[in-house]
């Protein structure tokens, strides 16, 4: 199968399936450092726990973009 055929097949996937494919392809380019992956997993769990306990709030993405643009 050529890369063109693979690309044509990938384009027929649902958007979420294409995102999973992209993620898998990007991961295949580099071997992730297990220490970094572990640290990010802990960070994500901590942030979710803080959100669940009301210590962290979610807001509209537009608000975040406005803050970033103001920097």
C-alpha atoms as a PDB file:
ATOM      1  CA  UNK A   1       0.000   0.000   0.000  1.00  0.00           C
ATOM      2  CA  UNK A   2       1.430   3.394  -0.953  1.00  0.00           C
ATOM      3  CA  UNK A   3       1.389   6.434   1.306  1.00  0.00           C
ATOM      4  CA  UNK A   4      -1.168   7.997  -1.056  1.00  0.00           C
ATOM      5  CA  UNK A   5      -3.487   5.010  -0.633  1.00  0.00           C
ATOM      6  CA  UNK A   6      -3.032   5.134   3.125  1.00  0.00           C
ATOM      7  CA  UNK A   7      -3.821   8.849   3.137  1.00  0.00           C
ATOM      8  CA  UNK A   8      -6.962   8.298   1.054  1.00  0.00           C
ATOM      9  CA  UNK A   9      -8.089   5.569   3.457  1.00  0.00           C
ATOM     10  CA  UNK A  10      -7.344   7.767   6.473  1.00  0.00           C
ATOM     11  CA  UNK A  11      -9.443  10.578   5.032  1.00  0.00           C
ATOM     12  CA  UNK A  12     -12.464   8.268   5.114  1.00  0.00           C
ATOM     13  CA  UNK A  13     -12.153   7.834   8.887  1.00  0.00           C
ATOM     14  CA  UNK A  14     -14.314   9.782  11.299  1.00  0.00           C
ATOM     15  CA  UNK A  15     -12.596  12.896  12.702  1.00  0.00           C
ATOM     16  CA  UNK A  16     -11.994  11.309  16.108  1.00  0.00           C
ATOM     17  CA  UNK A  17     -10.448   8.256  14.447  1.00  0.00           C
ATOM     18  CA  UNK A  18      -8.167  10.519  12.405  1.00  0.00           C
ATOM     19  CA  UNK A  19      -7.073  12.252  15.617  1.00  0.00           C
ATOM     20  CA  UNK A  20      -6.193   8.899  17.171  1.00  0.00           C
ATOM     21  CA  UNK A  21      -4.243   7.992  14.039  1.00  0.00           C
ATOM     22  CA  UNK A  22      -2.375  11.302  14.088  1.00  0.00           C
ATOM     23  CA  UNK A  23      -1.536  10.822  17.762  1.00  0.00           C
ATOM     24  CA  UNK A  24      -0.243   7.300  17.135  1.00  0.00           C
ATOM     25  CA  UNK A  25       1.864   8.450  14.183  1.00  0.00           C
ATOM     26  CA  UNK A  26       3.371  11.326  16.161  1.00  0.00           C
ATOM     27  CA  UNK A  27       4.190   9.016  19.046  1.00  0.00           C
ATOM     28  CA  UNK A  28       5.931   6.658  16.634  1.00  0.00           C
ATOM     29  CA  UNK A  29       8.384   9.402  15.628  1.00  0.00           C
ATOM     30  CA  UNK A  30       9.943   9.726  19.053  1.00  0.00           C
ATOM     31  CA  UNK A  31      10.385   7.407  21.950  1.00  0.00           C
ATOM     32  CA  UNK A  32       8.713   9.189  24.858  1.00  0.00           C
ATOM     33  CA  UNK A  33      10.707   9.586  28.031  1.00  0.00           C
ATOM     34  CA  UNK A  34       8.812   7.449  30.572  1.00  0.00           C
ATOM     35  CA  UNK A  35       9.691   9.904  33.354  1.00  0.00           C
ATOM     36  CA  UNK A  36       8.072  12.771  31.464  1.00  0.00           C
ATOM     37  CA  UNK A  37       5.023  10.704  30.536  1.00  0.00           C
ATOM     38  CA  UNK A  38       4.635   9.660  34.168  1.00  0.00           C
ATOM     39  CA  UNK A  39       4.992  13.238  35.403  1.00  0.00           C
ATOM     40  CA  UNK A  40       2.319  14.442  32.950  1.00  0.00           C
ATOM     41  CA  UNK A  41      -0.012  11.650  34.031  1.00  0.00           C
ATOM     42  CA  UNK A  42       0.367  12.693  37.679  1.00  0.00           C
ATOM     43  CA  UNK A  43      -0.187  16.346  36.709  1.00  0.00           C
ATOM     44  CA  UNK A  44      -3.332  15.497  34.739  1.00  0.00           C
ATOM     45  CA  UNK A  45      -4.721  13.454  37.635  1.00  0.00           C
ATOM     46  CA  UNK A  46      -3.949  16.280  40.078  1.00  0.00           C
ATOM     47  CA  UNK A  47      -5.681  18.826  37.847  1.00  0.00           C
ATOM     48  CA  UNK A  48      -8.743  16.598  37.446  1.00  0.00           C
ATOM     49  CA  UNK A  49      -8.936  16.077  41.212  1.00  0.00           C
ATOM     50  CA  UNK A  50      -8.657  19.841  41.781  1.00  0.00           C
ATOM     51  CA  UNK A  51     -11.440  20.434  39.258  1.00  0.00           C
ATOM     52  CA  UNK A  52     -13.633  17.749  40.855  1.00  0.00           C
ATOM     53  CA  UNK A  53     -13.143  19.378  44.288  1.00  0.00           C
ATOM     54  CA  UNK A  54     -13.979  22.855  43.016  1.00  0.00           C
ATOM     55  CA  UNK A  55     -10.407  24.099  43.413  1.00  0.00           C
ATOM     56  CA  UNK A  56     -10.036  24.695  39.694  1.00  0.00           C
ATOM     57  CA  UNK A  57     -12.575  26.133  37.312  1.00  0.00           C
ATOM     58  CA  UNK A  58     -13.072  25.675  33.613  1.00  0.00           C
ATOM     59  CA  UNK A  59     -13.962  28.574  31.391  1.00  0.00           C
ATOM     60  CA  UNK A  60     -14.706  29.336  27.787  1.00  0.00           C
ATOM     61  CA  UNK A  61     -11.799  28.818  25.416  1.00  0.00           C
ATOM     62  CA  UNK A  62     -12.356  32.314  24.038  1.00  0.00           C
ATOM     63  CA  UNK A  63     -11.517  33.707  27.486  1.00  0.00           C
ATOM     64  CA  UNK A  64      -8.249  31.784  27.517  1.00  0.00           C
ATOM     65  CA  UNK A  65      -7.341  32.959  24.010  1.00  0.00           C
ATOM     66  CA  UNK A  66      -8.039  36.568  25.016  1.00  0.00           C
ATOM     67  CA  UNK A  67      -5.679  36.231  27.991  1.00  0.00           C
ATOM     68  CA  UNK A  68      -2.969  34.712  25.813  1.00  0.00           C
ATOM     69  CA  UNK A  69      -3.323  37.442  23.186  1.00  0.00           C
ATOM     70  CA  UNK A  70      -2.979  40.070  25.922  1.00  0.00           C
ATOM     71  CA  UNK A  71       0.445  38.739  26.956  1.00  0.00           C
END
